[in-house]
Amino acid sequence: MGSLVVKRSIVVSGHKTSVSLEDAFWNALKEIAKARNVTLSDLVATIDSERQHDNLSSTIRLFVLEVYRKQLFDLKEGRITESIFWAAA
C-alpha cells in the first residue's frame, strides 16, 4: 500500500513555499494545528523557525512523529488521560 505524496503551497512567515507530504502527514499536521488552536501556516512557520534540517518536508514529518510519540508516552505514563487529538477531531 503506497501513500500518495501531495505537494501544496503554503505561506510561511509571509513567504509562499511548496511542501510535499503524504496525505497522512497533512492530516496529522492539520489535527495538531487544530488542537493547538493555530493556523496551519502558523504551525509550519514555528516548525520552520526551529528546524535543524535543510528539508522542510522532512522536518515536518519528524515534528509530527515526535508530537504523536510524546502523546503516546504521556498516555502510557498516566500524565494525560486522553489524547488532545480525540477532542480536536
N, C-alpha and C. Protein backbone atom coordinates (compact mmCIF):
# COMPACT_ATOMS: atom_id res chain seq x y z
N MET A 1 0.84 -1.17 0.00
CA MET A 1 0.00 0.00 0.00
C MET A 1 0.89 1.23 0.00
N GLY A 2 0.82 2.03 -1.05
CA GLY A 2 1.61 3.25 -1.14
C GLY A 2 0.82 4.45 -0.68
N SER A 3 1.55 5.44 -0.26
CA SER A 3 0.92 6.68 0.18
C SER A 3 1.28 7.77 -0.81
N LEU A 4 0.27 8.43 -1.31
CA LEU A 4 0.46 9.47 -2.30
C LEU A 4 1.06 10.72 -1.67
N VAL A 5 2.14 11.22 -2.26
CA VAL A 5 2.75 12.46 -1.81
C VAL A 5 2.02 13.61 -2.50
N VAL A 6 1.58 14.57 -1.69
CA VAL A 6 0.84 15.71 -2.20
C VAL A 6 1.66 16.96 -1.98
N LYS A 7 1.86 17.73 -3.05
CA LYS A 7 2.60 18.98 -2.97
C LYS A 7 1.59 20.12 -2.82
N ARG A 8 1.75 20.91 -1.76
CA ARG A 8 0.84 22.02 -1.52
C ARG A 8 1.64 23.29 -1.29
N SER A 9 1.05 24.40 -1.70
CA SER A 9 1.65 25.70 -1.42
C SER A 9 1.13 26.20 -0.08
N ILE A 10 2.02 26.79 0.68
CA ILE A 10 1.66 27.31 1.99
C ILE A 10 2.47 28.57 2.25
N VAL A 11 1.87 29.52 2.93
CA VAL A 11 2.58 30.75 3.28
C VAL A 11 3.25 30.54 4.63
N VAL A 12 4.57 30.71 4.65
CA VAL A 12 5.35 30.53 5.86
C VAL A 12 6.09 31.83 6.14
N SER A 13 5.74 32.48 7.22
CA SER A 13 6.36 33.75 7.60
C SER A 13 6.31 34.77 6.46
N GLY A 14 5.17 34.82 5.80
CA GLY A 14 4.97 35.80 4.73
C GLY A 14 5.50 35.40 3.37
N HIS A 15 6.09 34.23 3.27
CA HIS A 15 6.64 33.76 2.00
C HIS A 15 5.93 32.48 1.57
N LYS A 16 5.55 32.44 0.29
CA LYS A 16 4.88 31.26 -0.24
C LYS A 16 5.94 30.20 -0.58
N THR A 17 5.69 28.99 -0.11
CA THR A 17 6.60 27.89 -0.39
C THR A 17 5.79 26.63 -0.66
N SER A 18 6.42 25.66 -1.28
CA SER A 18 5.76 24.38 -1.55
C SER A 18 6.30 23.33 -0.60
N VAL A 19 5.38 22.51 -0.10
CA VAL A 19 5.75 21.43 0.81
C VAL A 19 5.14 20.14 0.27
N SER A 20 5.94 19.10 0.18
CA SER A 20 5.47 17.79 -0.29
C SER A 20 5.40 16.83 0.88
N LEU A 21 4.18 16.36 1.18
CA LEU A 21 3.95 15.42 2.26
C LEU A 21 2.92 14.39 1.84
N GLU A 22 2.98 13.22 2.45
CA GLU A 22 1.94 12.22 2.26
C GLU A 22 0.66 12.73 2.92
N ASP A 23 -0.48 12.26 2.40
CA ASP A 23 -1.78 12.68 2.96
C ASP A 23 -1.86 12.49 4.47
N ALA A 24 -1.33 11.38 4.95
CA ALA A 24 -1.39 11.11 6.39
C ALA A 24 -0.68 12.20 7.19
N PHE A 25 0.42 12.71 6.68
CA PHE A 25 1.13 13.78 7.38
C PHE A 25 0.39 15.11 7.28
N TRP A 26 -0.20 15.40 6.12
CA TRP A 26 -1.02 16.62 6.00
C TRP A 26 -2.17 16.57 7.00
N ASN A 27 -2.83 15.43 7.08
CA ASN A 27 -3.96 15.29 8.01
C ASN A 27 -3.52 15.43 9.46
N ALA A 28 -2.41 14.81 9.80
CA ALA A 28 -1.89 14.90 11.17
C ALA A 28 -1.49 16.33 11.50
N LEU A 29 -0.87 17.00 10.56
CA LEU A 29 -0.45 18.39 10.77
C LEU A 29 -1.66 19.29 11.02
N LYS A 30 -2.73 19.05 10.27
CA LYS A 30 -3.97 19.82 10.47
C LYS A 30 -4.56 19.53 11.85
N GLU A 31 -4.53 18.27 12.29
CA GLU A 31 -5.03 17.91 13.62
C GLU A 31 -4.25 18.62 14.71
N ILE A 32 -2.94 18.65 14.56
CA ILE A 32 -2.08 19.30 15.55
C ILE A 32 -2.38 20.80 15.60
N ALA A 33 -2.49 21.42 14.44
CA ALA A 33 -2.80 22.86 14.39
C ALA A 33 -4.13 23.14 15.06
N LYS A 34 -5.13 22.31 14.78
CA LYS A 34 -6.45 22.50 15.38
C LYS A 34 -6.39 22.33 16.89
N ALA A 35 -5.69 21.31 17.35
CA ALA A 35 -5.57 21.05 18.79
C ALA A 35 -4.84 22.18 19.50
N ARG A 36 -3.93 22.83 18.80
CA ARG A 36 -3.17 23.94 19.40
C ARG A 36 -3.82 25.30 19.14
N ASN A 37 -4.92 25.26 18.40
CA ASN A 37 -5.68 26.48 18.09
C ASN A 37 -4.83 27.50 17.33
N VAL A 38 -4.09 27.01 16.34
CA VAL A 38 -3.29 27.88 15.47
C VAL A 38 -3.58 27.50 14.03
N THR A 39 -3.25 28.40 13.12
CA THR A 39 -3.43 28.09 11.70
C THR A 39 -2.33 27.13 11.25
N LEU A 40 -2.60 26.46 10.16
CA LEU A 40 -1.60 25.56 9.58
C LEU A 40 -0.35 26.35 9.22
N SER A 41 -0.53 27.53 8.63
CA SER A 41 0.62 28.37 8.26
C SER A 41 1.44 28.76 9.48
N ASP A 42 0.77 29.12 10.57
CA ASP A 42 1.50 29.50 11.79
C ASP A 42 2.26 28.31 12.38
N LEU A 43 1.64 27.14 12.36
CA LEU A 43 2.31 25.95 12.87
C LEU A 43 3.55 25.63 12.04
N VAL A 44 3.40 25.68 10.72
CA VAL A 44 4.54 25.38 9.84
C VAL A 44 5.63 26.45 10.01
N ALA A 45 5.24 27.70 10.22
CA ALA A 45 6.23 28.76 10.46
C ALA A 45 7.03 28.48 11.73
N THR A 46 6.35 28.01 12.76
CA THR A 46 7.03 27.66 14.01
C THR A 46 7.99 26.50 13.79
N ILE A 47 7.52 25.48 13.09
CA ILE A 47 8.37 24.33 12.77
C ILE A 47 9.58 24.79 11.97
N ASP A 48 9.34 25.65 10.98
CA ASP A 48 10.40 26.16 10.12
C ASP A 48 11.44 26.94 10.91
N SER A 49 10.99 27.76 11.85
CA SER A 49 11.91 28.60 12.62
C SER A 49 12.79 27.79 13.57
N GLU A 50 12.34 26.60 13.93
CA GLU A 50 13.08 25.76 14.88
C GLU A 50 13.80 24.60 14.21
N ARG A 51 13.73 24.52 12.91
CA ARG A 51 14.27 23.32 12.25
C ARG A 51 15.80 23.29 12.25
N GLN A 52 16.31 22.08 12.26
CA GLN A 52 17.74 21.84 12.24
C GLN A 52 18.16 21.08 10.98
N HIS A 53 17.21 20.83 10.09
CA HIS A 53 17.49 20.12 8.84
C HIS A 53 17.19 21.06 7.68
N ASP A 54 17.83 20.82 6.54
CA ASP A 54 17.62 21.67 5.38
C ASP A 54 16.24 21.49 4.76
N ASN A 55 15.73 20.28 4.80
CA ASN A 55 14.49 19.97 4.09
C ASN A 55 13.27 20.19 4.99
N LEU A 56 12.42 21.15 4.63
CA LEU A 56 11.24 21.47 5.44
C LEU A 56 10.27 20.30 5.51
N SER A 57 10.06 19.61 4.41
CA SER A 57 9.13 18.47 4.41
C SER A 57 9.58 17.39 5.40
N SER A 58 10.87 17.09 5.40
CA SER A 58 11.40 16.10 6.35
C SER A 58 11.26 16.59 7.78
N THR A 59 11.51 17.87 7.99
CA THR A 59 11.38 18.45 9.33
C THR A 59 9.94 18.35 9.83
N ILE A 60 8.99 18.59 8.94
CA ILE A 60 7.57 18.48 9.32
C ILE A 60 7.23 17.04 9.69
N ARG A 61 7.71 16.08 8.90
CA ARG A 61 7.45 14.67 9.22
C ARG A 61 8.00 14.31 10.60
N LEU A 62 9.21 14.74 10.88
CA LEU A 62 9.82 14.46 12.18
C LEU A 62 9.05 15.14 13.31
N PHE A 63 8.58 16.34 13.08
CA PHE A 63 7.78 17.06 14.07
C PHE A 63 6.50 16.29 14.38
N VAL A 64 5.79 15.88 13.34
CA VAL A 64 4.53 15.13 13.53
C VAL A 64 4.80 13.84 14.30
N LEU A 65 5.83 13.12 13.90
CA LEU A 65 6.19 11.88 14.59
C LEU A 65 6.46 12.14 16.07
N GLU A 66 7.21 13.18 16.37
CA GLU A 66 7.54 13.48 17.76
C GLU A 66 6.31 13.87 18.57
N VAL A 67 5.40 14.62 17.99
CA VAL A 67 4.16 15.00 18.69
C VAL A 67 3.37 13.75 19.07
N TYR A 68 3.21 12.84 18.12
CA TYR A 68 2.44 11.63 18.39
C TYR A 68 3.17 10.69 19.35
N ARG A 69 4.49 10.61 19.24
CA ARG A 69 5.25 9.77 20.18
C ARG A 69 5.14 10.31 21.60
N LYS A 70 5.24 11.62 21.76
CA LYS A 70 5.12 12.23 23.09
C LYS A 70 3.72 11.99 23.64
N GLN A 71 2.73 12.11 22.78
CA GLN A 71 1.35 11.88 23.20
C GLN A 71 1.17 10.45 23.72
N LEU A 72 1.70 9.49 22.99
CA LEU A 72 1.61 8.08 23.39
C LEU A 72 2.35 7.84 24.71
N PHE A 73 3.53 8.42 24.83
CA PHE A 73 4.31 8.27 26.06
C PHE A 73 3.54 8.85 27.25
N ASP A 74 2.98 10.05 27.08
CA ASP A 74 2.22 10.69 28.16
C ASP A 74 0.99 9.87 28.54
N LEU A 75 0.33 9.26 27.57
CA LEU A 75 -0.81 8.39 27.86
C LEU A 75 -0.36 7.16 28.66
N LYS A 76 0.73 6.54 28.22
CA LYS A 76 1.24 5.35 28.91
C LYS A 76 1.69 5.66 30.33
N GLU A 77 2.27 6.82 30.53
CA GLU A 77 2.78 7.21 31.84
C GLU A 77 1.70 7.78 32.75
N GLY A 78 0.49 7.94 32.22
CA GLY A 78 -0.60 8.47 33.03
C GLY A 78 -0.56 9.97 33.23
N ARG A 79 0.27 10.65 32.46
CA ARG A 79 0.35 12.11 32.57
C ARG A 79 -0.88 12.79 31.99
N ILE A 80 -1.49 12.11 31.04
CA ILE A 80 -2.76 12.58 30.47
C ILE A 80 -3.68 11.37 30.39
N THR A 81 -4.98 11.63 30.35
CA THR A 81 -5.93 10.52 30.32
C THR A 81 -6.54 10.32 28.94
N GLU A 82 -6.42 11.33 28.09
CA GLU A 82 -6.88 11.15 26.71
C GLU A 82 -6.06 12.03 25.80
N SER A 83 -6.03 11.64 24.55
CA SER A 83 -5.27 12.37 23.55
C SER A 83 -5.93 13.70 23.26
N ILE A 84 -5.12 14.73 23.10
CA ILE A 84 -5.68 16.03 22.71
C ILE A 84 -6.31 15.95 21.32
N PHE A 85 -5.90 14.97 20.55
CA PHE A 85 -6.41 14.85 19.19
C PHE A 85 -7.80 14.24 19.16
N TRP A 86 -8.18 13.51 20.19
CA TRP A 86 -9.55 12.99 20.24
C TRP A 86 -10.53 14.14 20.36
N ALA A 87 -10.16 15.14 21.14
CA ALA A 87 -11.03 16.30 21.31
C ALA A 87 -11.02 17.19 20.07
N ALA A 88 -9.92 17.17 19.31
CA ALA A 88 -9.80 18.03 18.13
C ALA A 88 -10.55 17.47 16.93
N ALA A 89 -10.83 16.19 16.95
CA ALA A 89 -11.46 15.54 15.79
C ALA A 89 -12.90 15.98 15.61
